Amino acid sequence: MQVIGLCRFSYPAEGGFQVEHDDIAAREAYLYAPARLEERFRHFEAICLPGLKAQTDPEFTFLVLVGTSLPPEARQRLEALLAGVPQARIVARPPRPHRAVCQEVINEARDMALPCLQFRHDDDDAVAVDFVANLREAARDVASLRAKHRLVGFDWNRGYIARPDAKGLCAKETVTPYWGVAEAMAVAPGVRQSMMNFGHNKIMRFMPTVTFTDRPMYVRGHNAHNDSRQKSHVKPVALPRLDRDGEALFRERFAIDADQVRRIFA
């Protein structure tokens, strides 16, 4: 079964952001500000990519959606980071309505005659090294459910909130349902709706969902430029520094190496 992940890397969509802007020019200026882009690249390299590179099931496609206006030097840096990820494909699009362009990009990459497993992935988040394997197994386990429904959701709700810095990683375990990371959807053949047509915390309103809490499956990145952290009511999260055992767990479960984090954020 085809597995497709979609990551929006500073794509200047119309809508799709909690931070509002007056127009596309203002949104591009915000997204492409050097300090913000630098942070996104550091998280992408240190947190997001290691677990994808280390997947025990490497048979998946990872689409990285960017704007056609992404600065050339940023595009070159992104291409260099993804050169070692054979599953990755950069897709450039001009600014368009968020859900429509994401659906289009996913559907262009899939065989519409076959069922498809889809997941969304932010550039500062991580999934465990066995995420794709677990997703395939879960889809097989609910074959009868998929036969009755056009869409079926999957959510692994146990993971970590983590903040990388020059000293390593600060993190704590959490169980948070439908958070958007390590969340996926089975799409029946011929169905054009995609994972990105639904708010990640609302999919249970539109389809049956299956949840798993038995093992940590994600790392939710915590940083100053999180779109979800820009509102005034968002409370700070206290994250303790990982000890050696915690760093070893992150290496084993997510392929995130604290020494590499220290180098990248130094």
Protein backbone atom coordinates (compact mmCIF):
# COMPACT_ATOMS: atom_id res chain seq x y z
CA MET A 1 0.00 0.00 0.00
CA GLN A 2 1.38 3.39 -0.97
CA VAL A 3 2.44 5.62 1.94
CA ILE A 4 2.77 9.38 1.40
CA GLY A 5 3.87 12.02 3.89
CA LEU A 6 3.51 15.75 3.31
CA CYS A 7 5.65 18.44 4.91
CA ARG A 8 5.02 22.13 4.28
CA PHE A 9 8.39 23.87 4.49
CA SER A 10 7.62 27.58 4.89
CA TYR A 11 5.02 27.35 2.11
CA PRO A 12 3.16 30.71 1.83
CA ALA A 13 -0.35 29.32 1.55
CA GLU A 14 -3.55 31.28 1.49
CA GLY A 15 -4.92 30.23 4.88
CA GLY A 16 -3.58 27.31 6.91
CA PHE A 17 -1.78 29.48 9.48
CA GLN A 18 -2.82 30.58 12.95
CA VAL A 19 -0.65 33.67 12.45
CA GLU A 20 -2.58 36.09 10.25
CA HIS A 21 -1.02 38.37 7.60
CA ASP A 22 -2.45 41.19 5.55
CA ASP A 23 -1.40 39.69 2.22
CA ILE A 24 0.88 37.11 0.62
CA ALA A 25 3.81 39.54 0.50
CA ALA A 26 3.59 39.99 4.27
CA ARG A 27 3.35 36.23 4.77
CA GLU A 28 6.41 35.60 2.60
CA ALA A 29 8.35 38.27 4.47
CA TYR A 30 7.47 36.55 7.75
CA LEU A 31 8.24 33.02 6.53
CA TYR A 32 11.48 33.92 4.77
CA ALA A 33 12.95 36.15 7.48
CA PRO A 34 16.57 34.94 7.89
CA ALA A 35 16.30 34.19 11.63
CA ARG A 36 13.12 32.17 11.16
CA LEU A 37 14.44 30.22 8.17
CA GLU A 38 17.65 29.43 10.05
CA GLU A 39 15.67 27.98 12.93
CA ARG A 40 13.47 25.96 10.59
CA PHE A 41 16.52 24.48 8.86
CA ARG A 42 18.16 23.55 12.16
CA HIS A 43 15.05 21.78 13.42
CA PHE A 44 14.52 20.12 10.04
CA GLU A 45 18.06 18.71 10.07
CA ALA A 46 18.34 17.79 13.74
CA ILE A 47 14.80 16.70 14.62
CA CYS A 48 12.69 15.97 11.54
CA LEU A 49 14.95 14.16 9.08
CA PRO A 50 16.84 11.61 11.24
CA GLY A 51 13.78 9.48 12.02
CA LEU A 52 12.60 9.57 8.42
CA LYS A 53 16.02 8.46 7.18
CA ALA A 54 16.04 5.59 9.70
CA GLN A 55 12.57 4.16 9.00
CA THR A 56 12.55 0.37 9.33
CA ASP A 57 10.12 0.35 6.39
CA PRO A 58 11.70 2.62 3.75
CA GLU A 59 8.89 2.23 1.20
CA PHE A 60 7.21 5.63 1.42
CA THR A 61 7.19 9.00 -0.35
CA PHE A 62 7.97 12.21 1.53
CA LEU A 63 6.73 15.34 -0.23
CA VAL A 64 8.21 18.67 0.84
CA LEU A 65 5.97 21.52 -0.31
CA VAL A 66 7.70 24.88 -0.79
CA GLY A 67 6.78 28.15 -2.41
CA THR A 68 8.08 29.08 -5.83
CA SER A 69 9.26 32.26 -4.09
CA LEU A 70 11.52 30.43 -1.62
CA PRO A 71 14.88 32.25 -1.78
CA PRO A 72 17.37 30.41 -4.03
CA GLU A 73 19.94 29.93 -1.28
CA ALA A 74 17.26 28.36 0.93
CA ARG A 75 16.16 26.08 -1.90
CA GLN A 76 19.76 24.95 -2.42
CA ARG A 77 20.20 24.28 1.30
CA LEU A 78 16.98 22.26 1.36
CA GLU A 79 18.06 20.21 -1.65
CA ALA A 80 21.39 19.47 0.04
CA LEU A 81 19.68 18.27 3.23
CA LEU A 82 17.32 16.01 1.27
CA ALA A 83 20.01 14.55 -0.99
CA GLY A 84 20.44 11.67 1.45
CA VAL A 85 16.71 10.96 1.72
CA PRO A 86 15.69 8.93 -1.36
CA GLN A 87 12.02 9.07 -0.36
CA ALA A 88 11.97 12.87 -0.44
CA ARG A 89 10.69 15.00 -3.28
CA ILE A 90 10.54 18.81 -3.29
CA VAL A 91 7.37 20.22 -4.84
CA ALA A 92 7.21 23.97 -5.53
CA ARG A 93 3.89 25.79 -5.90
CA PRO A 94 2.86 29.47 -6.01
CA PRO A 95 0.65 30.72 -3.16
CA ARG A 96 -2.78 29.11 -3.33
CA PRO A 97 -5.54 28.06 -0.89
CA HIS A 98 -3.96 25.76 1.67
CA ARG A 99 -6.21 22.70 1.56
CA ALA A 100 -6.63 22.72 -2.21
CA VAL A 101 -2.91 22.85 -3.01
CA CYS A 102 -2.00 20.22 -0.41
CA GLN A 103 -4.67 17.87 -1.76
CA GLU A 104 -3.42 18.43 -5.30
CA VAL A 105 0.21 17.73 -4.40
CA ILE A 106 -0.66 14.50 -2.58
CA ASN A 107 -2.98 13.24 -5.32
CA GLU A 108 -0.41 13.92 -8.02
CA ALA A 109 1.99 11.65 -6.17
CA ARG A 110 -0.40 8.74 -5.63
CA ASP A 111 -1.93 6.03 -7.78
CA MET A 112 -5.60 6.95 -7.52
CA ALA A 113 -6.66 3.41 -8.41
CA LEU A 114 -5.10 2.03 -5.22
CA PRO A 115 -5.66 2.62 -1.50
CA CYS A 116 -3.26 5.06 0.09
CA LEU A 117 -1.91 5.81 3.57
CA GLN A 118 -1.15 9.48 4.21
CA PHE A 119 0.44 11.43 7.04
CA ARG A 120 1.18 15.09 7.64
CA HIS A 121 4.48 16.14 9.14
CA ASP A 122 5.80 19.49 10.36
CA ASP A 123 9.40 20.45 9.71
CA ASP A 124 10.24 20.60 13.44
CA ASP A 125 8.59 17.33 14.48
CA ALA A 126 9.80 13.73 14.41
CA VAL A 127 8.29 10.27 14.18
CA ALA A 128 9.70 7.07 15.60
CA VAL A 129 11.84 4.92 13.33
CA ASP A 130 9.07 2.29 13.08
CA PHE A 131 6.24 4.72 12.31
CA VAL A 132 5.73 3.66 8.68
CA ALA A 133 5.91 -0.03 9.64
CA ASN A 134 3.33 0.51 12.40
CA LEU A 135 1.09 2.46 10.06
CA ARG A 136 1.08 -0.36 7.51
CA GLU A 137 0.38 -2.92 10.23
CA ALA A 138 -2.48 -0.86 11.64
CA ALA A 139 -4.02 -0.52 8.17
CA ARG A 140 -3.86 -4.30 7.70
CA ASP A 141 -5.39 -4.88 11.13
CA VAL A 142 -8.47 -2.78 10.26
CA ALA A 143 -8.96 -4.09 6.73
CA SER A 144 -12.65 -4.76 7.35
CA LEU A 145 -13.13 -1.21 8.67
CA ARG A 146 -11.39 0.24 5.61
CA ALA A 147 -13.66 -1.83 3.37
CA LYS A 148 -16.70 -0.07 4.86
CA HIS A 149 -15.38 3.50 4.94
CA ARG A 150 -13.79 5.85 2.42
CA LEU A 151 -11.51 7.28 5.11
CA VAL A 152 -10.11 5.82 8.34
CA GLY A 153 -7.93 7.79 10.74
CA PHE A 154 -5.00 6.59 12.86
CA ASP A 155 -3.49 8.41 15.81
CA TRP A 156 -0.49 7.50 17.93
CA ASN A 157 -0.97 9.82 20.89
CA ARG A 158 2.04 9.08 23.10
CA GLY A 159 5.26 10.96 22.49
CA TYR A 160 7.45 13.81 23.65
CA ILE A 161 7.51 17.57 23.60
CA ALA A 162 11.12 18.59 22.98
CA ARG A 163 13.21 21.72 22.60
CA PRO A 164 16.70 21.45 21.08
CA ASP A 165 19.46 23.90 21.92
CA ALA A 166 23.23 24.22 22.10
CA LYS A 167 23.30 22.02 25.22
CA GLY A 168 21.26 19.18 23.74
CA LEU A 169 17.60 18.38 24.34
CA CYS A 170 14.98 19.34 26.88
CA ALA A 171 11.92 17.10 26.73
CA LYS A 172 9.08 15.46 28.58
CA GLU A 173 6.65 12.68 27.72
CA THR A 174 3.05 13.52 26.88
CA VAL A 175 -0.16 11.79 25.78
CA THR A 176 -2.02 14.22 23.54
CA PRO A 177 -4.62 12.89 21.08
CA TYR A 178 -4.98 14.09 17.50
CA TRP A 179 -2.02 16.46 17.69
CA GLY A 180 -1.13 16.14 14.01
CA VAL A 181 2.20 14.35 14.43
CA ALA A 182 2.21 10.53 14.11
CA GLU A 183 -1.34 10.90 12.81
CA ALA A 184 -2.40 9.31 9.54
CA MET A 185 -5.32 8.41 7.33
CA ALA A 186 -6.22 5.51 5.06
CA VAL A 187 -7.82 6.74 1.84
CA ALA A 188 -9.83 4.40 -0.38
CA PRO A 189 -9.15 4.10 -4.13
CA GLY A 190 -10.54 6.97 -6.17
CA VAL A 191 -11.15 9.25 -3.17
CA ARG A 192 -9.64 12.67 -3.83
CA GLN A 193 -9.92 14.00 -0.29
CA SER A 194 -6.57 13.92 1.46
CA MET A 195 -5.15 14.02 4.96
CA MET A 196 -4.78 17.77 4.53
CA ASN A 197 -8.49 18.36 3.92
CA PHE A 198 -9.16 17.97 7.63
CA GLY A 199 -7.99 19.76 10.74
CA HIS A 200 -5.76 17.30 12.58
CA ASN A 201 -7.77 17.64 15.80
CA LYS A 202 -11.12 17.22 14.05
CA ILE A 203 -10.74 14.07 11.94
CA MET A 204 -12.82 12.04 14.44
CA ARG A 205 -15.83 14.12 13.36
CA PHE A 206 -15.65 12.85 9.79
CA MET A 207 -14.39 9.25 9.92
CA PRO A 208 -13.81 6.33 12.26
CA THR A 209 -10.43 6.56 13.95
CA VAL A 210 -8.15 4.12 15.74
CA THR A 211 -5.81 5.32 18.50
CA PHE A 212 -2.66 3.79 19.97
CA THR A 213 -1.02 4.69 23.27
CA ASP A 214 1.31 1.73 23.84
CA ARG A 215 4.61 3.35 22.79
CA PRO A 216 6.13 6.78 22.11
CA MET A 217 5.72 7.51 18.41
CA TYR A 218 6.52 11.20 18.01
CA VAL A 219 8.52 14.22 19.07
CA ARG A 220 6.65 17.50 18.96
CA GLY A 221 9.13 20.33 18.39
CA HIS A 222 8.86 23.27 20.78
CA ASN A 223 10.38 26.55 19.62
CA ALA A 224 9.80 30.27 19.31
CA HIS A 225 8.49 30.04 15.74
CA ASN A 226 5.84 27.32 16.22
CA ASP A 227 2.75 28.61 14.41
CA SER A 228 0.60 27.18 17.22
CA ARG A 229 2.57 29.09 19.87
CA GLN A 230 2.05 32.61 18.53
CA LYS A 231 -1.24 33.31 20.30
CA SER A 232 -1.20 35.23 23.60
CA HIS A 233 -3.13 32.56 25.53
CA VAL A 234 -0.59 29.80 24.87
CA LYS A 235 1.06 28.77 28.13
CA PRO A 236 4.81 28.08 28.39
CA VAL A 237 5.87 24.47 28.84
CA ALA A 238 8.61 23.55 31.31
CA LEU A 239 10.89 20.94 29.76
CA PRO A 240 13.61 19.25 31.84
CA ARG A 241 17.04 18.58 30.37
CA LEU A 242 17.43 14.99 29.13
CA ASP A 243 19.99 12.90 30.98
CA ARG A 244 22.14 10.23 29.32
CA ASP A 245 19.35 7.66 29.46
CA GLY A 246 16.93 10.12 27.89
CA GLU A 247 19.39 10.94 25.15
CA ALA A 248 19.89 7.22 24.49
CA LEU A 249 16.12 6.74 24.20
CA PHE A 250 15.89 9.56 21.65
CA ARG A 251 18.70 8.00 19.60
CA GLU A 252 17.09 4.57 19.64
CA ARG A 253 13.46 5.58 19.19
CA PHE A 254 13.73 8.63 16.91
CA ALA A 255 17.34 8.53 15.58
CA ILE A 256 17.81 11.98 17.14
CA ASP A 257 21.41 12.29 18.29
CA ALA A 258 21.96 14.82 21.09
CA ASP A 259 25.56 15.33 19.99
CA GLN A 260 24.38 16.27 16.50
CA VAL A 261 21.80 18.59 18.06
CA ARG A 262 24.55 20.31 20.05
CA ARG A 263 26.65 20.76 16.91
CA ILE A 264 23.79 22.14 14.83
CA PHE A 265 22.55 24.54 17.51
CA ALA A 266 25.98 25.59 18.79
